[in-house]
């Protein structure tokens, strides 16, 4: 497979969502999405043969984050929360509504 952009000129340009404010309901949704993001990541890792290990070891396919979301250290949860929050903000920025049914 031919790799594009081998000269490392890629400049990420995510949508500016700094002006989007989330309601309390959507802030609560962020945590539910963050847990699901982690579960999807963990499910994929396990399917690839990864197991829990006290420290990350790519050769042995061990990772310390292969635990339930609730058991992750706060600093690890932050990545999943940010991903979820920024996704919700982008949805709103694009003009979509999230309505609880």
C-alpha atoms as a PDB file:
ATOM      1  CA  UNK A   1       0.000   0.000   0.000  1.00  0.00           C
ATOM      2  CA  UNK A   2       1.403   3.359  -1.001  1.00  0.00           C
ATOM      3  CA  UNK A   3       1.513   5.861   1.852  1.00  0.00           C
ATOM      4  CA  UNK A   4       0.379   9.377   1.074  1.00  0.00           C
ATOM      5  CA  UNK A   5       1.894  12.425   2.744  1.00  0.00           C
ATOM      6  CA  UNK A   6       5.239  10.807   3.537  1.00  0.00           C
ATOM      7  CA  UNK A   7       6.801  14.254   3.872  1.00  0.00           C
ATOM      8  CA  UNK A   8       4.790  14.795   7.079  1.00  0.00           C
ATOM      9  CA  UNK A   9       2.964  17.908   5.875  1.00  0.00           C
ATOM     10  CA  UNK A  10      -0.422  16.815   7.198  1.00  0.00           C
ATOM     11  CA  UNK A  11      -1.988  19.586   9.263  1.00  0.00           C
ATOM     12  CA  UNK A  12      -5.147  18.462  11.092  1.00  0.00           C
ATOM     13  CA  UNK A  13      -7.965  20.989  10.810  1.00  0.00           C
ATOM     14  CA  UNK A  14     -10.814  19.914  13.077  1.00  0.00           C
ATOM     15  CA  UNK A  15     -14.004  21.947  12.975  1.00  0.00           C
ATOM     16  CA  UNK A  16     -13.915  24.885  15.404  1.00  0.00           C
ATOM     17  CA  UNK A  17     -16.445  23.982  18.090  1.00  0.00           C
ATOM     18  CA  UNK A  18     -15.255  26.423  20.741  1.00  0.00           C
ATOM     19  CA  UNK A  19     -18.516  28.392  20.534  1.00  0.00           C
ATOM     20  CA  UNK A  20     -20.782  25.392  21.172  1.00  0.00           C
ATOM     21  CA  UNK A  21     -22.268  25.159  24.665  1.00  0.00           C
ATOM     22  CA  UNK A  22     -23.721  21.893  25.939  1.00  0.00           C
ATOM     23  CA  UNK A  23     -26.806  21.609  28.134  1.00  0.00           C
ATOM     24  CA  UNK A  24     -26.611  19.582  31.347  1.00  0.00           C
ATOM     25  CA  UNK A  25     -28.421  16.719  29.602  1.00  0.00           C
ATOM     26  CA  UNK A  26     -25.793  16.617  26.867  1.00  0.00           C
ATOM     27  CA  UNK A  27     -23.008  16.821  29.431  1.00  0.00           C
ATOM     28  CA  UNK A  28     -24.508  13.716  31.038  1.00  0.00           C
ATOM     29  CA  UNK A  29     -24.673  12.053  27.607  1.00  0.00           C
ATOM     30  CA  UNK A  30     -20.953  12.738  27.238  1.00  0.00           C
ATOM     31  CA  UNK A  31     -20.141  10.350  30.090  1.00  0.00           C
ATOM     32  CA  UNK A  32     -22.336   7.593  28.633  1.00  0.00           C
ATOM     33  CA  UNK A  33     -20.663   8.000  25.242  1.00  0.00           C
ATOM     34  CA  UNK A  34     -17.212   8.043  26.849  1.00  0.00           C
ATOM     35  CA  UNK A  35     -17.903   4.689  28.501  1.00  0.00           C
ATOM     36  CA  UNK A  36     -19.100   3.279  25.194  1.00  0.00           C
ATOM     37  CA  UNK A  37     -16.029   4.619  23.360  1.00  0.00           C
ATOM     38  CA  UNK A  38     -13.846   2.791  25.878  1.00  0.00           C
ATOM     39  CA  UNK A  39     -15.881  -0.408  25.582  1.00  0.00           C
ATOM     40  CA  UNK A  40     -15.593  -0.346  21.774  1.00  0.00           C
ATOM     41  CA  UNK A  41     -11.838   0.233  22.010  1.00  0.00           C
ATOM     42  CA  UNK A  42     -11.462  -2.615  24.539  1.00  0.00           C
ATOM     43  CA  UNK A  43     -13.660  -4.971  22.503  1.00  0.00           C
ATOM     44  CA  UNK A  44     -11.516  -4.341  19.417  1.00  0.00           C
ATOM     45  CA  UNK A  45      -8.284  -4.879  21.347  1.00  0.00           C
ATOM     46  CA  UNK A  46      -9.527  -8.128  22.865  1.00  0.00           C
ATOM     47  CA  UNK A  47     -10.636  -9.328  19.408  1.00  0.00           C
ATOM     48  CA  UNK A  48      -7.067  -8.639  18.224  1.00  0.00           C
ATOM     49  CA  UNK A  49      -5.698 -10.880  20.982  1.00  0.00           C
ATOM     50  CA  UNK A  50      -4.814  -8.237  23.585  1.00  0.00           C
ATOM     51  CA  UNK A  51      -5.154  -8.972  27.302  1.00  0.00           C
ATOM     52  CA  UNK A  52      -4.793  -6.997  30.503  1.00  0.00           C
ATOM     53  CA  UNK A  53      -1.262  -6.273  31.645  1.00  0.00           C
ATOM     54  CA  UNK A  54       0.107  -3.981  34.347  1.00  0.00           C
ATOM     55  CA  UNK A  55       1.981  -2.012  31.685  1.00  0.00           C
ATOM     56  CA  UNK A  56       1.555  -1.690  27.941  1.00  0.00           C
ATOM     57  CA  UNK A  57       3.539  -4.299  26.027  1.00  0.00           C
ATOM     58  CA  UNK A  58       2.910  -4.305  22.280  1.00  0.00           C
ATOM     59  CA  UNK A  59       4.895  -7.495  21.764  1.00  0.00           C
ATOM     60  CA  UNK A  60       2.875  -9.457  24.343  1.00  0.00           C
ATOM     61  CA  UNK A  61      -0.295  -7.549  23.417  1.00  0.00           C
ATOM     62  CA  UNK A  62      -0.954  -6.451  26.980  1.00  0.00           C
ATOM     63  CA  UNK A  63      -2.519  -3.157  28.030  1.00  0.00           C
ATOM     64  CA  UNK A  64      -3.337  -1.722  31.477  1.00  0.00           C
ATOM     65  CA  UNK A  65      -6.531  -0.046  30.210  1.00  0.00           C
ATOM     66  CA  UNK A  66      -8.270  -3.328  29.424  1.00  0.00           C
ATOM     67  CA  UNK A  67     -10.486  -2.879  32.470  1.00  0.00           C
ATOM     68  CA  UNK A  68     -14.051  -1.600  32.871  1.00  0.00           C
ATOM     69  CA  UNK A  69     -14.393   2.150  32.246  1.00  0.00           C
ATOM     70  CA  UNK A  70     -15.274   2.726  35.900  1.00  0.00           C
ATOM     71  CA  UNK A  71     -11.905   1.253  36.921  1.00  0.00           C
ATOM     72  CA  UNK A  72      -9.819   3.491  34.684  1.00  0.00           C
ATOM     73  CA  UNK A  73      -7.787   6.254  36.298  1.00  0.00           C
ATOM     74  CA  UNK A  74      -9.344   9.688  35.756  1.00  0.00           C
ATOM     75  CA  UNK A  75      -6.567  10.748  33.388  1.00  0.00           C
ATOM     76  CA  UNK A  76      -7.434   7.814  31.103  1.00  0.00           C
ATOM     77  CA  UNK A  77     -11.160   8.615  31.208  1.00  0.00           C
ATOM     78  CA  UNK A  78     -10.387  12.168  30.101  1.00  0.00           C
ATOM     79  CA  UNK A  79      -9.445  11.080  26.554  1.00  0.00           C
ATOM     80  CA  UNK A  80     -12.746   9.221  26.090  1.00  0.00           C
ATOM     81  CA  UNK A  81     -14.710  12.124  27.595  1.00  0.00           C
ATOM     82  CA  UNK A  82     -13.054  14.634  25.283  1.00  0.00           C
ATOM     83  CA  UNK A  83     -13.749  12.462  22.245  1.00  0.00           C
ATOM     84  CA  UNK A  84     -17.406  12.144  23.227  1.00  0.00           C
ATOM     85  CA  UNK A  85     -17.835  15.826  24.117  1.00  0.00           C
ATOM     86  CA  UNK A  86     -16.199  17.048  20.920  1.00  0.00           C
ATOM     87  CA  UNK A  87     -18.343  14.671  18.862  1.00  0.00           C
ATOM     88  CA  UNK A  88     -21.532  15.995  20.470  1.00  0.00           C
ATOM     89  CA  UNK A  89     -20.371  19.573  19.926  1.00  0.00           C
ATOM     90  CA  UNK A  90     -19.608  18.866  16.277  1.00  0.00           C
ATOM     91  CA  UNK A  91     -23.066  17.348  15.770  1.00  0.00           C
ATOM     92  CA  UNK A  92     -24.602  20.525  17.192  1.00  0.00           C
ATOM     93  CA  UNK A  93     -22.263  22.792  15.201  1.00  0.00           C
ATOM     94  CA  UNK A  94     -23.383  21.066  11.993  1.00  0.00           C
ATOM     95  CA  UNK A  95     -26.985  21.952  12.816  1.00  0.00           C
ATOM     96  CA  UNK A  96     -28.263  18.612  14.079  1.00  0.00           C
ATOM     97  CA  UNK A  97     -30.287  18.209  17.256  1.00  0.00           C
ATOM     98  CA  UNK A  98     -29.954  15.477  19.841  1.00  0.00           C
ATOM     99  CA  UNK A  99     -33.344  14.724  21.358  1.00  0.00           C
ATOM    100  CA  UNK A 100     -33.963  12.247  24.140  1.00  0.00           C
ATOM    101  CA  UNK A 101     -36.926  10.005  23.424  1.00  0.00           C
END
